[in-house]
Amino acid sequence: SLGRHRMPTAEEQTWAGSATGRKPGAKAEETSWTSILAPGNRGDGRTSWVSERGKGAEPAVDDDEFEVESAMLAPLAELQDRKLTGGWSSGGRWRAAARRKRNAAFVMGAGFVVVVFLIVGGTTNSRWAKADSLCQTLDRDTTGSNDVTDWVPWAETLSQVYLTHRAPAVPEHTPEEDAEECAKSGWKAGCTRKVFHKPNQDEHELAIIEADRRALEDAYRVAVSKVLPVEQELRLPAGIALSYKRAVAEAQKGVCEIAPKDPKCIAARTVEVRAISALQAALVREVKPRAFGAGLDPKGAEMHTLRTLARLIHEQDPVDTVTQNAWRNFNAITAVVLRQTLQHVQERASGYQDMMLYPHSSNMLYLGRFQDLQFEGHGTLYYTNGKVAYTGGWKAGRMHGEGTLLHQDGSLVWEGSFDMGRPSQPWYSF
């Protein structure tokens, strides 16, 4: 074996050189090791123990001979190691150079990948931040908080307050009754003014209205305290708002037909119902084939038709926004119809296609699919100038799924995946 041994002494090296024909001090690679390894060629006429071991023999060798031959084989071991590693041959030098080139190319490639990653990741993160900011700005116009299940209990409470409310009785006496009462009391102070200076009819009616208002507010305050308050606005799609408007007109027409009938009221409500019915039919006809709203030319005939329809709907002044603070704007009829409308929406199992306008405006806000009163499925959100803000998937009133987000000037902000109102941040952005 070529194990570790002590270095040979100068005398041993001299002997090894004379035995192999190598001059003392000569380099190891100049020695012909063939003669050493050849059987029987030890230079002293004796057979080499190396050759004997190759034949399987176990010659008796003393320690001095073992150390000498170990010293003779040490240069051979070094030579073989260097040949195996390509240390001295021209092929080894070429392979080492090739390895260095490969290592340098790998380092350069890795550095290039890191630089590209930093550039792409930083740019993507900047684009994501801008898209996220725009999504938060647009969120106020979406319907994420437009949950009909929160509003049905409130509408039921409001309708119950109006149905059970009774105007308070305001005492009203004739002048004769007042004079008789004053005479019985001995014409106390104030009786003369009470009898001969009667307040006018307007003051009397104002007193009745004020008393009625206080009683209604007290009843509402007690009833609504049992209902979870909803601070947000309730937004109604155009089709639902028209249905509510039509139901109110039909209920008012029924009141006008109660004796004594009011022909003018009946005629006015009849015209209103017909106009709303025509708008509802046009809305279904125009919105249904364009539920996704994508690809419509802002200056095209289709968009012009939709804008005209939105303007006509706005002229009917439908109730498209409801707040709890505006409960005084309702009455017994409108409160009951609102409750029925919301219950009908809540009971609808499948989604539907509709349009939503900006509050108190004729500008189109959204065109696409709805579930209850929230954007659901595929639809398009518009800026007030009529240009597309976002087109793609929706879930629970917020941007969700694959979609495209645009600036008001039409430039692309983000295209890809969205998650509940925010763009999904890629793994390579930071």
Protein backbone atom coordinates (compact mmCIF):
# COMPACT_ATOMS: atom_id res chain seq x y z
CA SER A 1 0.00 0.00 0.00
CA LEU A 2 0.92 3.66 -0.34
CA GLY A 3 0.29 4.57 3.26
CA ARG A 4 1.92 7.33 5.25
CA HIS A 5 5.54 6.63 6.32
CA ARG A 6 8.43 8.66 7.59
CA MET A 7 10.66 10.49 5.10
CA PRO A 8 13.76 8.46 4.04
CA THR A 9 17.15 9.58 5.24
CA ALA A 10 19.80 10.90 2.91
CA GLU A 11 21.64 7.53 3.05
CA GLU A 12 18.46 5.68 2.12
CA GLN A 13 17.76 8.06 -0.75
CA THR A 14 21.34 7.52 -2.02
CA TRP A 15 20.79 3.76 -1.91
CA ALA A 16 17.48 4.06 -3.69
CA GLY A 17 19.08 6.16 -6.41
CA SER A 18 21.90 3.68 -6.99
CA ALA A 19 19.44 0.80 -7.06
CA THR A 20 17.29 2.41 -9.70
CA GLY A 21 19.93 4.06 -11.74
CA ARG A 22 18.82 7.60 -10.71
CA LYS A 23 21.31 10.21 -9.72
CA PRO A 24 21.10 11.55 -6.22
CA GLY A 25 19.02 14.74 -6.14
CA ALA A 26 17.28 13.95 -9.45
CA LYS A 27 13.57 14.74 -9.74
CA ALA A 28 11.05 11.97 -9.12
CA GLU A 29 9.56 12.18 -12.58
CA GLU A 30 12.99 11.45 -14.17
CA THR A 31 13.12 7.98 -12.58
CA SER A 32 12.17 4.94 -14.61
CA TRP A 33 9.82 3.19 -12.22
CA THR A 34 9.34 0.35 -14.63
CA SER A 35 12.63 -1.11 -13.56
CA ILE A 36 11.63 -0.92 -9.93
CA LEU A 37 8.33 -2.63 -10.46
CA ALA A 38 9.86 -5.31 -12.73
CA PRO A 39 10.22 -8.62 -10.88
CA GLY A 40 13.70 -9.38 -9.71
CA ASN A 41 15.14 -6.00 -10.62
CA ARG A 42 16.24 -4.48 -7.35
CA GLY A 43 19.79 -3.74 -8.47
CA ASP A 44 21.33 -6.15 -6.02
CA GLY A 45 20.40 -9.40 -7.74
CA ARG A 46 17.49 -10.11 -5.38
CA THR A 47 13.79 -10.31 -6.25
CA SER A 48 11.75 -7.23 -5.33
CA TRP A 49 9.22 -7.77 -2.57
CA VAL A 50 6.75 -5.84 -4.66
CA SER A 51 6.88 -8.46 -7.38
CA GLU A 52 6.70 -11.19 -4.81
CA ARG A 53 3.55 -9.64 -3.27
CA GLY A 54 2.13 -9.42 -6.79
CA LYS A 55 2.55 -13.19 -7.03
CA GLY A 56 0.90 -13.69 -3.68
CA ALA A 57 4.11 -14.53 -1.86
CA GLU A 58 4.92 -13.22 1.56
CA PRO A 59 8.72 -12.84 1.63
CA ALA A 60 10.36 -12.05 4.86
CA VAL A 61 11.39 -8.42 4.83
CA ASP A 62 13.10 -6.66 7.65
CA ASP A 63 12.13 -3.20 8.82
CA ASP A 64 14.98 -1.43 7.06
CA GLU A 65 14.07 -2.85 3.70
CA PHE A 66 10.40 -1.96 4.25
CA GLU A 67 11.23 1.64 5.00
CA VAL A 68 13.53 1.91 2.00
CA GLU A 69 11.01 0.54 -0.46
CA SER A 70 8.28 2.78 1.03
CA ALA A 71 10.53 5.73 0.30
CA MET A 72 11.04 4.44 -3.24
CA LEU A 73 7.27 4.20 -3.82
CA ALA A 74 6.42 7.67 -2.37
CA PRO A 75 7.39 9.53 -5.57
CA LEU A 76 5.34 7.03 -7.57
CA ALA A 77 2.27 7.72 -5.45
CA GLU A 78 2.74 11.45 -5.93
CA LEU A 79 3.17 10.99 -9.67
CA GLN A 80 0.03 8.87 -9.99
CA ASP A 81 -2.01 11.35 -7.94
CA ARG A 82 -0.96 14.23 -10.17
CA LYS A 83 -1.67 12.28 -13.32
CA LEU A 84 -5.13 11.41 -12.06
CA THR A 85 -5.82 15.07 -11.28
CA GLY A 86 -4.32 16.33 -14.54
CA GLY A 87 -1.62 18.21 -12.74
CA TRP A 88 1.25 17.66 -15.23
CA SER A 89 -0.32 16.63 -18.56
CA SER A 90 -1.45 19.09 -21.24
CA GLY A 91 -4.93 17.46 -21.18
CA GLY A 92 -5.17 18.10 -17.44
CA ARG A 93 -4.27 21.73 -17.91
CA TRP A 94 -6.95 22.06 -20.63
CA ARG A 95 -9.57 20.48 -18.40
CA ALA A 96 -8.65 22.77 -15.50
CA ALA A 97 -8.96 25.81 -17.77
CA ALA A 98 -12.32 24.56 -19.03
CA ARG A 99 -13.46 24.13 -15.44
CA ARG A 100 -12.46 27.66 -14.61
CA LYS A 101 -14.34 28.98 -17.63
CA ARG A 102 -17.45 27.01 -16.66
CA ASN A 103 -17.26 28.31 -13.11
CA ALA A 104 -16.86 31.88 -14.35
CA ALA A 105 -19.80 31.46 -16.75
CA PHE A 106 -21.92 30.04 -13.94
CA VAL A 107 -21.08 32.95 -11.66
CA MET A 108 -21.85 35.46 -14.41
CA GLY A 109 -25.12 33.69 -15.24
CA ALA A 110 -26.17 33.58 -11.61
CA GLY A 111 -25.36 37.26 -11.23
CA PHE A 112 -27.38 38.09 -14.34
CA VAL A 113 -30.37 36.14 -13.01
CA VAL A 114 -30.16 37.94 -9.67
CA VAL A 115 -30.03 41.36 -11.38
CA VAL A 116 -33.00 40.49 -13.59
CA PHE A 117 -34.91 39.23 -10.55
CA LEU A 118 -34.24 42.44 -8.66
CA ILE A 119 -35.31 44.60 -11.59
CA VAL A 120 -38.45 42.61 -12.41
CA GLY A 121 -39.39 42.15 -8.75
CA GLY A 122 -38.96 45.84 -7.95
CA THR A 123 -40.90 46.95 -11.04
CA THR A 124 -43.71 44.48 -10.35
CA ASN A 125 -43.95 45.58 -6.75
CA SER A 126 -44.23 49.21 -7.82
CA ARG A 127 -46.98 48.34 -10.30
CA TRP A 128 -48.77 46.27 -7.65
CA ALA A 129 -48.68 49.15 -5.16
CA LYS A 130 -50.25 51.51 -7.72
CA ALA A 131 -52.90 48.94 -8.61
CA ASP A 132 -53.69 48.30 -4.95
CA SER A 133 -54.09 52.03 -4.29
CA LEU A 134 -56.46 52.38 -7.24
CA CYS A 135 -58.48 49.36 -6.08
CA GLN A 136 -58.93 50.93 -2.65
CA THR A 137 -60.11 54.14 -4.32
CA LEU A 138 -62.63 52.28 -6.45
CA ASP A 139 -63.82 50.17 -3.51
CA ARG A 140 -66.16 52.92 -2.32
CA ASP A 141 -68.13 52.55 -5.56
CA THR A 142 -68.40 48.76 -5.32
CA THR A 143 -71.02 46.77 -3.40
CA GLY A 144 -68.94 44.89 -0.85
CA SER A 145 -71.06 46.25 2.02
CA ASN A 146 -74.34 45.98 0.08
CA ASP A 147 -75.55 42.92 1.99
CA VAL A 148 -79.32 42.58 1.67
CA THR A 149 -79.50 40.34 4.75
CA ASP A 150 -78.49 43.33 6.89
CA TRP A 151 -81.22 45.54 5.47
CA VAL A 152 -84.27 43.27 5.44
CA PRO A 153 -84.71 43.41 9.27
CA TRP A 154 -84.45 47.20 9.19
CA ALA A 155 -87.01 47.47 6.38
CA GLU A 156 -89.38 45.20 8.30
CA THR A 157 -89.00 47.35 11.42
CA LEU A 158 -89.56 50.57 9.48
CA SER A 159 -92.71 49.29 7.79
CA GLN A 160 -94.07 48.05 11.11
CA VAL A 161 -93.53 51.47 12.69
CA TYR A 162 -95.50 53.20 9.94
CA LEU A 163 -98.28 50.62 9.90
CA THR A 164 -98.88 50.81 13.64
CA HIS A 165 -98.44 54.56 13.98
CA ARG A 166 -101.50 56.65 14.76
CA ALA A 167 -101.55 60.42 14.67
CA PRO A 168 -102.10 61.88 18.16
CA ALA A 169 -105.43 63.53 18.86
CA VAL A 170 -105.17 67.30 19.05
CA PRO A 171 -108.07 68.88 20.97
CA GLU A 172 -110.10 71.21 18.83
CA HIS A 173 -113.04 73.24 20.22
CA THR A 174 -115.60 75.49 18.62
CA PRO A 175 -115.85 79.15 19.80
CA GLU A 176 -119.14 78.32 21.53
CA GLU A 177 -117.53 75.50 23.51
CA ASP A 178 -114.67 77.79 24.50
CA ALA A 179 -117.03 80.55 25.65
CA GLU A 180 -119.07 78.11 27.68
CA GLU A 181 -115.96 76.74 29.32
CA CYS A 182 -114.70 80.23 30.15
CA ALA A 183 -118.05 81.21 31.62
CA LYS A 184 -117.99 78.21 33.90
CA SER A 185 -114.52 79.14 35.09
CA GLY A 186 -115.51 82.73 35.82
CA TRP A 187 -113.72 84.18 32.80
CA LYS A 188 -110.25 83.65 34.11
CA ALA A 189 -107.28 85.41 32.59
CA GLY A 190 -106.71 84.34 29.02
CA CYS A 191 -110.27 83.25 28.32
CA THR A 192 -111.09 86.40 26.37
CA ARG A 193 -108.10 85.87 24.09
CA LYS A 194 -108.92 82.20 23.74
CA VAL A 195 -112.48 82.92 22.64
CA PHE A 196 -112.13 86.04 20.52
CA HIS A 197 -108.61 85.63 19.14
CA LYS A 198 -108.66 82.10 17.73
CA PRO A 199 -105.29 80.94 16.13
CA ASN A 200 -105.44 80.59 12.36
CA GLN A 201 -105.77 77.25 10.59
CA ASP A 202 -102.10 77.07 9.55
CA GLU A 203 -100.86 77.23 13.12
CA HIS A 204 -103.32 74.55 14.09
CA GLU A 205 -102.13 72.21 11.31
CA LEU A 206 -98.50 72.83 12.18
CA ALA A 207 -99.17 71.85 15.76
CA ILE A 208 -100.74 68.58 14.58
CA ILE A 209 -97.81 67.82 12.27
CA GLU A 210 -95.25 68.53 14.99
CA ALA A 211 -97.03 66.30 17.49
CA ASP A 212 -97.27 63.55 14.90
CA ARG A 213 -93.57 63.84 14.08
CA ARG A 214 -92.52 63.53 17.73
CA ALA A 215 -94.71 60.48 18.26
CA LEU A 216 -93.37 58.80 15.10
CA GLU A 217 -89.74 59.45 16.06
CA ASP A 218 -90.29 58.02 19.52
CA ALA A 219 -91.85 54.87 18.07
CA TYR A 220 -89.05 54.46 15.52
CA ARG A 221 -86.31 54.97 18.11
CA VAL A 222 -87.73 52.23 20.32
CA ALA A 223 -88.27 49.77 17.46
CA VAL A 224 -84.92 50.23 15.70
CA SER A 225 -82.96 49.76 18.94
CA LYS A 226 -83.69 46.03 18.57
CA VAL A 227 -82.19 45.90 15.08
CA LEU A 228 -78.48 45.81 14.27
CA PRO A 229 -77.69 49.27 12.88
CA VAL A 230 -76.34 49.48 9.34
CA GLU A 231 -74.16 52.53 8.78
CA GLN A 232 -73.48 52.01 5.08
CA GLU A 233 -75.68 52.98 2.18
CA LEU A 234 -77.94 50.48 0.50
CA ARG A 235 -77.36 50.64 -3.27
CA LEU A 236 -80.04 49.38 -5.63
CA PRO A 237 -79.32 48.26 -9.21
CA ALA A 238 -81.32 50.08 -11.88
CA GLY A 239 -83.66 47.15 -12.50
CA ILE A 240 -84.42 46.73 -8.76
CA ALA A 241 -84.86 50.50 -8.32
CA LEU A 242 -87.35 50.57 -11.21
CA SER A 243 -89.25 47.64 -9.71
CA TYR A 244 -89.48 49.49 -6.41
CA LYS A 245 -90.60 52.68 -8.15
CA ARG A 246 -93.26 50.85 -10.14
CA ALA A 247 -94.61 49.04 -7.05
CA VAL A 248 -94.90 52.36 -5.19
CA ALA A 249 -96.76 53.95 -8.14
CA GLU A 250 -99.16 51.03 -8.31
CA ALA A 251 -99.83 51.22 -4.55
CA GLN A 252 -100.46 54.97 -4.76
CA LYS A 253 -102.80 54.41 -7.68
CA GLY A 254 -104.74 51.96 -5.51
CA VAL A 255 -105.07 54.60 -2.78
CA CYS A 256 -106.30 57.14 -5.34
CA GLU A 257 -109.02 54.71 -6.41
CA ILE A 258 -110.50 54.57 -2.90
CA ALA A 259 -113.68 56.58 -2.63
CA PRO A 260 -113.86 59.42 -3.14
CA LYS A 261 -111.76 58.67 -6.22
CA ASP A 262 -109.15 61.13 -7.45
CA PRO A 263 -109.14 60.95 -11.30
CA LYS A 264 -106.06 63.13 -11.69
CA CYS A 265 -104.06 61.01 -9.27
CA ILE A 266 -105.18 57.84 -11.02
CA ALA A 267 -104.21 59.19 -14.46
CA ALA A 268 -100.80 60.39 -13.26
CA ARG A 269 -99.96 57.07 -11.60
CA THR A 270 -101.13 55.14 -14.67
CA VAL A 271 -98.77 57.10 -16.94
CA GLU A 272 -95.92 56.58 -14.49
CA VAL A 273 -96.47 52.82 -14.35
CA ARG A 274 -96.47 52.56 -18.16
CA ALA A 275 -93.26 54.58 -18.49
CA ILE A 276 -91.48 52.49 -15.88
CA SER A 277 -92.66 49.25 -17.50
CA ALA A 278 -91.25 50.39 -20.86
CA LEU A 279 -87.90 51.22 -19.26
CA GLN A 280 -87.78 47.84 -17.54
CA ALA A 281 -88.37 46.05 -20.85
CA ALA A 282 -85.66 48.11 -22.57
CA LEU A 283 -83.23 47.46 -19.73
CA VAL A 284 -83.71 43.70 -19.98
CA ARG A 285 -83.34 43.84 -23.76
CA GLU A 286 -80.16 45.94 -23.78
CA VAL A 287 -78.35 44.60 -20.71
CA LYS A 288 -78.89 40.88 -21.17
CA PRO A 289 -76.72 40.39 -24.30
CA ARG A 290 -74.06 42.74 -22.87
CA ALA A 291 -73.89 41.44 -19.34
CA PHE A 292 -70.10 41.33 -19.37
CA GLY A 293 -69.74 44.87 -20.66
CA ALA A 294 -66.29 44.16 -22.11
CA GLY A 295 -65.25 45.39 -25.50
CA LEU A 296 -67.88 48.13 -25.83
CA ASP A 297 -66.68 51.13 -27.80
CA PRO A 298 -67.18 54.26 -25.63
CA LYS A 299 -68.21 56.14 -28.77
CA GLY A 300 -70.12 53.25 -30.36
CA ALA A 301 -73.85 52.85 -30.91
CA GLU A 302 -74.21 50.23 -28.19
CA MET A 303 -72.71 52.45 -25.50
CA HIS A 304 -74.82 55.36 -26.75
CA THR A 305 -77.96 53.24 -26.30
CA LEU A 306 -76.96 52.26 -22.78
CA ARG A 307 -76.22 55.88 -21.82
CA THR A 308 -79.57 57.01 -23.20
CA LEU A 309 -81.29 54.28 -21.20
CA ALA A 310 -79.42 55.35 -18.07
CA ARG A 311 -80.49 58.95 -18.58
CA LEU A 312 -84.15 57.94 -18.98
CA ILE A 313 -83.97 55.83 -15.83
CA HIS A 314 -82.48 58.74 -13.90
CA GLU A 315 -85.29 61.02 -15.10
CA GLN A 316 -87.80 58.71 -13.42
CA ASP A 317 -86.06 59.60 -10.14
CA PRO A 318 -85.94 56.07 -8.74
CA VAL A 319 -84.73 55.44 -5.21
CA ASP A 320 -81.25 54.03 -5.93
CA THR A 321 -79.72 54.81 -2.51
CA VAL A 322 -81.17 54.18 0.95
CA THR A 323 -79.76 55.21 4.32
CA GLN A 324 -81.20 54.65 7.77
CA ASN A 325 -80.89 58.33 8.60
CA ALA A 326 -83.32 59.10 5.77
CA TRP A 327 -86.11 56.98 7.23
CA ARG A 328 -88.34 60.07 7.54
CA ASN A 329 -88.54 60.21 3.73
CA PHE A 330 -90.65 57.06 3.81
CA ASN A 331 -94.28 56.59 4.61
CA ALA A 332 -96.50 53.60 5.22
CA ILE A 333 -96.68 52.76 1.49
CA THR A 334 -93.03 53.22 0.56
CA ALA A 335 -91.78 51.42 3.70
CA VAL A 336 -93.94 48.37 2.99
CA VAL A 337 -92.91 48.30 -0.69
CA LEU A 338 -89.21 48.56 0.23
CA ARG A 339 -89.55 45.62 2.59
CA GLN A 340 -91.29 43.53 -0.08
CA THR A 341 -88.68 44.45 -2.71
CA LEU A 342 -85.74 43.46 -0.51
CA GLN A 343 -87.41 40.23 0.52
CA HIS A 344 -87.99 39.36 -3.14
CA VAL A 345 -84.29 39.98 -3.89
CA GLN A 346 -83.23 37.86 -0.92
CA GLU A 347 -85.44 34.97 -2.00
CA ARG A 348 -84.02 34.95 -5.53
CA ALA A 349 -81.76 31.90 -5.73
CA SER A 350 -79.90 32.58 -8.96
CA GLY A 351 -77.98 35.61 -10.13
CA TYR A 352 -79.19 38.13 -12.66
CA GLN A 353 -77.88 40.71 -15.11
CA ASP A 354 -78.45 44.38 -14.45
CA MET A 355 -77.03 47.89 -14.54
CA MET A 356 -76.15 50.19 -11.66
CA LEU A 357 -75.88 53.97 -11.87
CA TYR A 358 -73.81 56.34 -9.79
CA PRO A 359 -75.94 57.65 -6.89
CA HIS A 360 -78.30 60.44 -7.98
CA SER A 361 -76.69 60.49 -11.42
CA SER A 362 -77.29 59.26 -14.96
CA ASN A 363 -73.69 57.98 -15.30
CA MET A 364 -73.39 54.22 -15.58
CA LEU A 365 -71.36 52.65 -12.77
CA TYR A 366 -71.55 48.92 -13.46
CA LEU A 367 -72.83 46.53 -16.10
CA GLY A 368 -72.82 42.79 -15.49
CA ARG A 369 -73.87 40.03 -13.16
CA PHE A 370 -75.42 40.43 -9.70
CA GLN A 371 -76.19 38.13 -6.79
CA ASP A 372 -78.69 39.69 -4.37
CA LEU A 373 -77.54 43.34 -4.48
CA GLN A 374 -73.82 42.69 -4.98
CA PHE A 375 -71.60 42.38 -8.04
CA GLU A 376 -71.05 38.68 -8.65
CA GLY A 377 -69.59 36.81 -11.62
CA HIS A 378 -68.32 38.77 -14.60
CA GLY A 379 -68.91 42.48 -15.05
CA THR A 380 -67.44 45.88 -15.86
CA LEU A 381 -66.98 48.90 -13.61
CA TYR A 382 -66.94 52.36 -15.25
CA TYR A 383 -65.53 55.74 -14.35
CA THR A 384 -67.84 58.74 -14.35
CA ASN A 385 -66.45 59.71 -17.77
CA GLY A 386 -67.77 56.45 -19.21
CA LYS A 387 -64.39 54.71 -19.60
CA VAL A 388 -63.73 51.26 -18.25
CA ALA A 389 -62.16 51.09 -14.78
CA TYR A 390 -62.16 47.32 -14.32
CA THR A 391 -63.48 44.35 -16.24
CA GLY A 392 -63.29 40.79 -14.99
CA GLY A 393 -64.47 38.61 -12.15
CA TRP A 394 -66.38 39.70 -9.02
CA LYS A 395 -67.22 38.03 -5.75
CA ALA A 396 -69.40 39.41 -2.95
CA GLY A 397 -69.28 42.87 -4.51
CA ARG A 398 -65.48 43.05 -4.86
CA MET A 399 -62.95 42.39 -7.62
CA HIS A 400 -62.05 38.73 -7.53
CA GLY A 401 -60.51 36.33 -10.04
CA GLU A 402 -58.97 37.25 -13.37
CA GLY A 403 -59.45 40.84 -14.46
CA THR A 404 -57.98 43.99 -15.98
CA LEU A 405 -57.62 47.31 -14.15
CA LEU A 406 -57.30 50.54 -16.15
CA HIS A 407 -56.64 54.23 -15.53
CA GLN A 408 -59.16 56.89 -16.51
CA ASP A 409 -57.05 57.61 -19.58
CA GLY A 410 -57.35 53.97 -20.66
CA SER A 411 -53.78 52.93 -19.82
CA LEU A 412 -53.23 49.52 -18.24
CA VAL A 413 -52.61 49.41 -14.48
CA TRP A 414 -52.84 45.71 -13.68
CA GLU A 415 -53.79 42.57 -15.53
CA GLY A 416 -54.00 39.27 -13.73
CA SER A 417 -55.49 37.84 -10.58
CA PHE A 418 -57.46 39.76 -7.93
CA ASP A 419 -58.39 38.63 -4.44
CA MET A 420 -61.42 40.22 -2.73
CA GLY A 421 -60.86 43.74 -3.94
CA ARG A 422 -57.05 43.74 -4.18
CA PRO A 423 -54.60 42.60 -6.86
CA SER A 424 -52.85 39.36 -6.01
CA GLN A 425 -49.19 40.11 -5.30
CA PRO A 426 -46.83 37.80 -7.29
CA TRP A 427 -44.27 35.75 -5.37
CA TYR A 428 -41.38 37.45 -7.18
CA SER A 429 -42.38 40.98 -6.14
CA PHE A 430 -41.04 42.51 -2.95
